[in-house]
């Protein structure tokens, strides 16, 4: 998972490289939340969408970076835990305050429905000082 530092303490994490994905579920590798503070911002870029294709994405969390469960409830800033389903090319984003996660690891789960969708997901994260 490449990480690129933009400015001090701000990183881009490639959760999903832009590619065509068939119907099914794709999971990002978990990220260790002890390394970050502030908000995690998932930027979702959707290219072509097959006939009747859909894309859903949501935050999940885990204690052990192995067994993940869906996050629940908006965070303290009112950020939702999932996107409104995408059915055409465009962009979406979901943010979550790091302290609102209740477990150590987080990831994005993307679900493509019916037909292939071209998409990529990049996380914007603020590194914890001293991490």
N, C-alpha and C. Protein backbone atom coordinates (compact mmCIF):
# COMPACT_ATOMS: atom_id res chain seq x y z
N UNK A 1 0.85 -1.16 0.00
CA UNK A 1 0.00 0.00 0.00
C UNK A 1 0.90 1.23 0.00
N UNK A 2 1.08 1.88 -1.17
CA UNK A 2 1.95 3.05 -1.24
C UNK A 2 1.40 4.21 -0.41
N UNK A 3 2.31 4.89 0.25
CA UNK A 3 1.94 6.07 1.01
C UNK A 3 2.80 7.22 0.48
N UNK A 4 2.16 8.35 0.22
CA UNK A 4 2.85 9.52 -0.29
C UNK A 4 2.60 10.68 0.66
N UNK A 5 3.66 11.33 1.12
CA UNK A 5 3.51 12.47 2.01
C UNK A 5 3.35 13.73 1.17
N UNK A 6 2.26 14.45 1.40
CA UNK A 6 1.98 15.68 0.67
C UNK A 6 2.63 16.88 1.36
N UNK A 7 2.31 17.07 2.59
CA UNK A 7 2.87 18.11 3.45
C UNK A 7 3.13 17.43 4.78
N UNK A 8 3.88 18.04 5.65
CA UNK A 8 4.15 17.36 6.92
C UNK A 8 2.88 16.82 7.57
N UNK A 9 2.92 15.55 7.93
CA UNK A 9 1.84 14.85 8.64
C UNK A 9 0.62 14.51 7.80
N UNK A 10 0.58 14.84 6.51
CA UNK A 10 -0.56 14.49 5.66
C UNK A 10 -0.08 13.48 4.62
N UNK A 11 -0.79 12.35 4.53
CA UNK A 11 -0.39 11.28 3.61
C UNK A 11 -1.54 10.86 2.72
N UNK A 12 -1.21 10.38 1.53
CA UNK A 12 -2.17 9.74 0.63
C UNK A 12 -1.91 8.24 0.70
N UNK A 13 -2.94 7.46 0.90
CA UNK A 13 -2.82 6.01 0.97
C UNK A 13 -3.70 5.44 -0.14
N UNK A 14 -3.10 4.69 -1.05
CA UNK A 14 -3.86 4.10 -2.14
C UNK A 14 -4.58 2.86 -1.60
N UNK A 15 -5.87 3.00 -1.35
CA UNK A 15 -6.68 1.89 -0.83
C UNK A 15 -7.00 0.91 -1.95
N UNK A 16 -7.42 1.43 -3.09
CA UNK A 16 -7.68 0.62 -4.28
C UNK A 16 -7.13 1.36 -5.48
N UNK A 17 -6.21 0.74 -6.22
CA UNK A 17 -5.74 1.33 -7.47
C UNK A 17 -6.91 1.37 -8.44
N UNK A 18 -6.95 2.39 -9.28
CA UNK A 18 -8.02 2.50 -10.25
C UNK A 18 -7.98 1.32 -11.21
N UNK A 19 -9.09 0.59 -11.29
CA UNK A 19 -9.17 -0.59 -12.15
C UNK A 19 -10.63 -0.98 -12.32
N UNK A 20 -10.89 -1.79 -13.33
CA UNK A 20 -12.22 -2.35 -13.53
C UNK A 20 -12.39 -3.55 -12.61
N UNK A 21 -13.50 -3.57 -11.87
CA UNK A 21 -13.78 -4.69 -10.98
C UNK A 21 -15.16 -5.24 -11.30
N UNK A 22 -15.25 -6.57 -11.37
CA UNK A 22 -16.52 -7.23 -11.63
C UNK A 22 -17.38 -7.26 -10.37
N UNK A 23 -18.63 -7.67 -10.52
CA UNK A 23 -19.54 -7.76 -9.38
C UNK A 23 -18.92 -8.59 -8.27
N UNK A 24 -19.00 -8.10 -7.05
CA UNK A 24 -18.44 -8.78 -5.89
C UNK A 24 -17.93 -7.77 -4.88
N UNK A 25 -17.27 -8.28 -3.85
CA UNK A 25 -16.77 -7.44 -2.76
C UNK A 25 -15.26 -7.36 -2.81
N UNK A 26 -14.72 -6.17 -2.57
CA UNK A 26 -13.27 -5.96 -2.50
C UNK A 26 -12.96 -5.27 -1.18
N UNK A 27 -11.93 -5.75 -0.49
CA UNK A 27 -11.54 -5.19 0.80
C UNK A 27 -10.15 -4.59 0.72
N UNK A 28 -10.02 -3.40 1.25
CA UNK A 28 -8.73 -2.75 1.39
C UNK A 28 -7.97 -3.43 2.52
N UNK A 29 -6.65 -3.40 2.46
CA UNK A 29 -5.83 -3.85 3.58
C UNK A 29 -6.07 -2.89 4.75
N UNK A 30 -6.21 -3.42 5.96
CA UNK A 30 -6.47 -2.58 7.12
C UNK A 30 -5.32 -1.62 7.39
N UNK A 31 -5.65 -0.44 7.92
CA UNK A 31 -4.62 0.52 8.33
C UNK A 31 -4.67 0.66 9.84
N UNK A 32 -3.50 0.83 10.44
CA UNK A 32 -3.37 0.94 11.89
C UNK A 32 -3.71 2.36 12.32
N UNK A 33 -4.82 2.52 13.01
CA UNK A 33 -5.29 3.84 13.40
C UNK A 33 -4.43 4.50 14.46
N UNK A 34 -3.58 3.74 15.14
CA UNK A 34 -2.70 4.36 16.15
C UNK A 34 -1.68 5.29 15.49
N UNK A 35 -1.55 5.22 14.17
CA UNK A 35 -0.61 6.06 13.44
C UNK A 35 -1.22 7.36 12.94
N UNK A 36 -2.54 7.54 13.12
CA UNK A 36 -3.24 8.68 12.54
C UNK A 36 -4.10 9.39 13.57
N UNK A 37 -4.43 10.65 13.25
CA UNK A 37 -5.33 11.44 14.09
C UNK A 37 -6.19 12.30 13.16
N UNK A 38 -7.12 13.02 13.72
CA UNK A 38 -7.99 13.86 12.90
C UNK A 38 -9.00 13.01 12.15
N UNK A 39 -9.15 13.26 10.85
CA UNK A 39 -10.11 12.51 10.04
C UNK A 39 -9.39 11.69 8.98
N UNK A 40 -9.99 10.54 8.66
CA UNK A 40 -9.60 9.77 7.48
C UNK A 40 -10.62 10.13 6.42
N UNK A 41 -10.15 10.50 5.26
CA UNK A 41 -11.03 10.91 4.17
C UNK A 41 -10.82 9.95 3.01
N UNK A 42 -11.84 9.18 2.66
CA UNK A 42 -11.77 8.25 1.54
C UNK A 42 -12.33 8.95 0.30
N UNK A 43 -11.49 9.15 -0.70
CA UNK A 43 -11.89 9.78 -1.95
C UNK A 43 -12.11 8.68 -2.98
N UNK A 44 -13.32 8.57 -3.47
CA UNK A 44 -13.70 7.49 -4.38
C UNK A 44 -13.92 8.10 -5.77
N UNK A 45 -13.18 7.62 -6.73
CA UNK A 45 -13.30 8.09 -8.10
C UNK A 45 -13.84 6.95 -8.96
N UNK A 46 -14.96 7.19 -9.58
CA UNK A 46 -15.64 6.15 -10.36
C UNK A 46 -15.64 6.53 -11.83
N UNK A 47 -15.08 5.64 -12.66
CA UNK A 47 -15.05 5.86 -14.10
C UNK A 47 -16.28 5.24 -14.74
N UNK A 48 -16.07 4.37 -15.71
CA UNK A 48 -17.21 3.78 -16.40
C UNK A 48 -17.94 2.78 -15.51
N UNK A 49 -19.25 2.71 -15.72
CA UNK A 49 -20.12 1.80 -14.97
C UNK A 49 -20.88 0.96 -15.99
N UNK A 50 -20.75 -0.37 -15.87
CA UNK A 50 -21.46 -1.27 -16.79
C UNK A 50 -22.97 -1.12 -16.66
N UNK A 51 -23.71 -1.66 -17.61
CA UNK A 51 -25.17 -1.58 -17.60
C UNK A 51 -25.72 -2.06 -16.27
N UNK A 52 -26.47 -1.22 -15.60
CA UNK A 52 -27.08 -1.50 -14.29
C UNK A 52 -26.04 -1.73 -13.19
N UNK A 53 -24.77 -1.39 -13.45
CA UNK A 53 -23.72 -1.55 -12.44
C UNK A 53 -23.90 -0.59 -11.29
N UNK A 54 -23.44 -0.98 -10.11
CA UNK A 54 -23.51 -0.13 -8.91
C UNK A 54 -22.22 -0.27 -8.12
N UNK A 55 -21.93 0.74 -7.31
CA UNK A 55 -20.79 0.70 -6.40
C UNK A 55 -21.24 1.22 -5.04
N UNK A 56 -20.99 0.42 -4.02
CA UNK A 56 -21.22 0.82 -2.64
C UNK A 56 -19.88 0.77 -1.92
N UNK A 57 -19.68 1.63 -0.93
CA UNK A 57 -18.45 1.62 -0.14
C UNK A 57 -18.79 2.02 1.29
N UNK A 58 -18.06 1.41 2.25
CA UNK A 58 -18.31 1.71 3.65
C UNK A 58 -17.05 1.48 4.47
N UNK A 59 -17.02 2.10 5.64
CA UNK A 59 -15.93 1.89 6.60
C UNK A 59 -16.20 0.63 7.39
N UNK A 60 -15.12 -0.12 7.65
CA UNK A 60 -15.17 -1.27 8.57
C UNK A 60 -14.00 -1.12 9.54
N UNK A 61 -14.09 -1.81 10.69
CA UNK A 61 -13.03 -1.74 11.69
C UNK A 61 -12.77 -3.10 12.31
N UNK A 62 -11.58 -3.24 12.94
CA UNK A 62 -11.16 -4.53 13.48
C UNK A 62 -10.20 -4.34 14.65
N UNK A 63 -10.26 -5.25 15.61
CA UNK A 63 -9.28 -5.26 16.70
C UNK A 63 -7.98 -5.90 16.28
N UNK A 64 -8.04 -6.88 15.35
CA UNK A 64 -6.88 -7.71 15.03
C UNK A 64 -6.40 -7.63 13.58
N UNK A 65 -7.00 -6.75 12.77
CA UNK A 65 -6.67 -6.60 11.35
C UNK A 65 -6.97 -7.87 10.56
N UNK A 66 -7.91 -8.66 11.08
CA UNK A 66 -8.29 -9.91 10.43
C UNK A 66 -9.81 -10.02 10.31
N UNK A 67 -10.51 -9.86 11.41
CA UNK A 67 -11.96 -9.94 11.44
C UNK A 67 -12.53 -8.52 11.52
N UNK A 68 -13.20 -8.10 10.45
CA UNK A 68 -13.73 -6.74 10.37
C UNK A 68 -15.25 -6.72 10.51
N UNK A 69 -15.76 -5.64 11.10
CA UNK A 69 -17.21 -5.43 11.20
C UNK A 69 -17.51 -4.02 10.68
N UNK A 70 -18.75 -3.82 10.25
CA UNK A 70 -19.16 -2.50 9.75
C UNK A 70 -19.14 -1.48 10.87
N UNK A 71 -18.68 -0.27 10.57
CA UNK A 71 -18.78 0.84 11.51
C UNK A 71 -20.25 1.24 11.59
N UNK A 72 -20.64 1.78 12.71
CA UNK A 72 -22.03 2.21 12.87
C UNK A 72 -22.08 3.65 13.36
N UNK A 73 -23.13 4.34 12.98
CA UNK A 73 -23.38 5.69 13.47
C UNK A 73 -22.46 6.74 12.89
N UNK A 74 -23.00 7.93 12.71
CA UNK A 74 -22.21 9.06 12.24
C UNK A 74 -21.19 9.43 13.31
N UNK A 75 -20.08 10.03 12.89
CA UNK A 75 -19.09 10.46 13.87
C UNK A 75 -19.48 11.82 14.46
N UNK A 76 -18.62 12.38 15.30
CA UNK A 76 -18.94 13.63 15.99
C UNK A 76 -19.10 14.81 15.04
N UNK A 77 -18.60 14.69 13.82
CA UNK A 77 -18.76 15.75 12.83
C UNK A 77 -19.92 15.48 11.87
N UNK A 78 -20.71 14.43 12.15
CA UNK A 78 -21.85 14.10 11.32
C UNK A 78 -21.51 13.33 10.06
N UNK A 79 -20.28 12.83 9.95
CA UNK A 79 -19.86 12.07 8.77
C UNK A 79 -20.48 10.68 8.79
N UNK A 80 -21.06 10.27 7.68
CA UNK A 80 -21.68 8.95 7.55
C UNK A 80 -20.61 7.87 7.42
N UNK A 81 -21.02 6.62 7.58
CA UNK A 81 -20.07 5.51 7.49
C UNK A 81 -20.08 4.84 6.12
N UNK A 82 -20.93 5.30 5.22
CA UNK A 82 -20.99 4.72 3.88
C UNK A 82 -21.39 5.80 2.87
N UNK A 83 -21.19 5.48 1.59
CA UNK A 83 -21.58 6.42 0.54
C UNK A 83 -22.99 6.09 0.03
N UNK A 84 -23.59 7.06 -0.62
CA UNK A 84 -24.81 6.81 -1.37
C UNK A 84 -24.38 6.03 -2.61
N UNK A 85 -25.11 4.98 -2.94
CA UNK A 85 -24.73 4.10 -4.04
C UNK A 85 -24.44 4.89 -5.32
N UNK A 86 -23.33 4.55 -5.97
CA UNK A 86 -22.93 5.16 -7.22
C UNK A 86 -23.45 4.32 -8.38
N UNK A 87 -24.09 4.96 -9.34
CA UNK A 87 -24.62 4.26 -10.51
C UNK A 87 -24.12 4.86 -11.82
N UNK A 88 -23.27 5.88 -11.75
CA UNK A 88 -22.72 6.53 -12.94
C UNK A 88 -21.35 7.09 -12.60
N UNK A 89 -20.57 7.41 -13.62
CA UNK A 89 -19.25 7.98 -13.39
C UNK A 89 -19.35 9.22 -12.52
N UNK A 90 -18.38 9.39 -11.63
CA UNK A 90 -18.37 10.55 -10.75
C UNK A 90 -17.49 10.30 -9.55
N UNK A 91 -17.65 11.12 -8.53
CA UNK A 91 -16.84 10.98 -7.32
C UNK A 91 -17.72 10.97 -6.09
N UNK A 92 -17.17 10.44 -5.01
CA UNK A 92 -17.84 10.44 -3.72
C UNK A 92 -16.76 10.44 -2.66
N UNK A 93 -17.13 10.73 -1.43
CA UNK A 93 -16.17 10.67 -0.34
C UNK A 93 -16.88 10.30 0.94
N UNK A 94 -16.15 9.59 1.79
CA UNK A 94 -16.64 9.32 3.14
C UNK A 94 -15.50 9.61 4.10
N UNK A 95 -15.82 10.39 5.12
CA UNK A 95 -14.83 10.76 6.12
C UNK A 95 -15.24 10.14 7.45
N UNK A 96 -14.27 9.97 8.31
CA UNK A 96 -14.56 9.48 9.66
C UNK A 96 -13.46 9.99 10.59
N UNK A 97 -13.88 10.55 11.71
CA UNK A 97 -12.94 11.01 12.72
C UNK A 97 -12.26 9.79 13.33
N UNK A 98 -10.94 9.79 13.39
CA UNK A 98 -10.18 8.64 13.86
C UNK A 98 -10.65 8.20 15.25
N UNK A 99 -10.88 9.14 16.15
CA UNK A 99 -11.28 8.75 17.51
C UNK A 99 -12.68 8.13 17.58
N UNK A 100 -13.47 8.25 16.53
CA UNK A 100 -14.80 7.65 16.51
C UNK A 100 -14.74 6.15 16.20
N UNK A 101 -13.66 5.70 15.57
CA UNK A 101 -13.48 4.26 15.38
C UNK A 101 -13.33 3.65 16.77
N UNK A 102 -13.88 2.48 16.97
CA UNK A 102 -13.80 1.85 18.29
C UNK A 102 -12.74 0.75 18.34
N UNK A 103 -12.10 0.48 17.22
CA UNK A 103 -11.10 -0.59 17.15
C UNK A 103 -9.81 -0.05 16.54
N UNK A 104 -8.76 -0.84 16.56
CA UNK A 104 -7.43 -0.38 16.15
C UNK A 104 -7.26 -0.21 14.64
N UNK A 105 -7.90 -1.05 13.84
CA UNK A 105 -7.68 -1.05 12.40
C UNK A 105 -8.96 -0.64 11.66
N UNK A 106 -8.77 -0.02 10.49
CA UNK A 106 -9.91 0.38 9.66
C UNK A 106 -9.60 0.06 8.21
N UNK A 107 -10.66 -0.10 7.43
CA UNK A 107 -10.51 -0.31 6.00
C UNK A 107 -11.79 0.12 5.29
N UNK A 108 -11.69 0.22 3.98
CA UNK A 108 -12.86 0.46 3.13
C UNK A 108 -13.24 -0.87 2.50
N UNK A 109 -14.54 -1.20 2.54
CA UNK A 109 -15.07 -2.35 1.81
C UNK A 109 -15.90 -1.78 0.66
N UNK A 110 -15.57 -2.21 -0.55
CA UNK A 110 -16.30 -1.78 -1.74
C UNK A 110 -17.07 -2.96 -2.31
N UNK A 111 -18.30 -2.72 -2.72
CA UNK A 111 -19.11 -3.78 -3.31
C UNK A 111 -19.63 -3.31 -4.67
N UNK A 112 -19.28 -4.08 -5.69
CA UNK A 112 -19.75 -3.82 -7.05
C UNK A 112 -20.94 -4.74 -7.30
N UNK A 113 -22.03 -4.16 -7.80
CA UNK A 113 -23.22 -4.95 -8.08
C UNK A 113 -23.52 -5.03 -9.58
N UNK A 114 -24.02 -6.13 -10.02
CA UNK A 114 -24.53 -6.43 -11.36
C UNK A 114 -23.44 -6.48 -12.43
N UNK A 115 -22.84 -5.35 -12.80
CA UNK A 115 -21.83 -5.30 -13.85
C UNK A 115 -20.59 -4.55 -13.40
N UNK A 116 -19.51 -4.70 -14.14
CA UNK A 116 -18.23 -4.12 -13.79
C UNK A 116 -18.29 -2.60 -13.62
N UNK A 117 -17.47 -2.12 -12.70
CA UNK A 117 -17.32 -0.69 -12.44
C UNK A 117 -15.83 -0.39 -12.36
N UNK A 118 -15.41 0.71 -13.00
CA UNK A 118 -14.03 1.17 -12.89
C UNK A 118 -13.98 2.17 -11.75
N UNK A 119 -13.16 1.89 -10.73
CA UNK A 119 -13.04 2.84 -9.63
C UNK A 119 -11.70 2.71 -8.92
N UNK A 120 -11.37 3.74 -8.17
CA UNK A 120 -10.19 3.75 -7.32
C UNK A 120 -10.54 4.49 -6.04
N UNK A 121 -9.82 4.18 -4.96
CA UNK A 121 -10.06 4.84 -3.68
C UNK A 121 -8.72 5.26 -3.09
N UNK A 122 -8.62 6.53 -2.72
CA UNK A 122 -7.44 7.06 -2.07
C UNK A 122 -7.85 7.63 -0.72
N UNK A 123 -7.09 7.29 0.32
CA UNK A 123 -7.34 7.83 1.66
C UNK A 123 -6.41 9.02 1.89
N UNK A 124 -6.94 10.06 2.50
CA UNK A 124 -6.14 11.19 2.95
C UNK A 124 -6.13 11.08 4.47
N UNK A 125 -4.92 11.04 5.04
CA UNK A 125 -4.79 10.80 6.49
C UNK A 125 -3.76 11.75 7.09
N UNK A 126 -4.01 12.13 8.33
CA UNK A 126 -3.08 12.97 9.08
C UNK A 126 -2.32 12.10 10.06
N UNK A 127 -1.00 12.01 9.86
CA UNK A 127 -0.17 11.17 10.74
C UNK A 127 -0.14 11.77 12.14
N UNK A 128 -0.20 10.88 13.13
CA UNK A 128 -0.11 11.30 14.52
C UNK A 128 1.31 11.80 14.77
N UNK A 129 1.43 12.92 15.43
CA UNK A 129 2.76 13.48 15.72
C UNK A 129 3.54 12.49 16.58
N UNK A 130 4.77 12.24 16.19
CA UNK A 130 5.62 11.32 16.92
C UNK A 130 5.44 9.86 16.52
N UNK A 131 4.51 9.60 15.58
CA UNK A 131 4.28 8.20 15.16
C UNK A 131 5.26 7.80 14.10
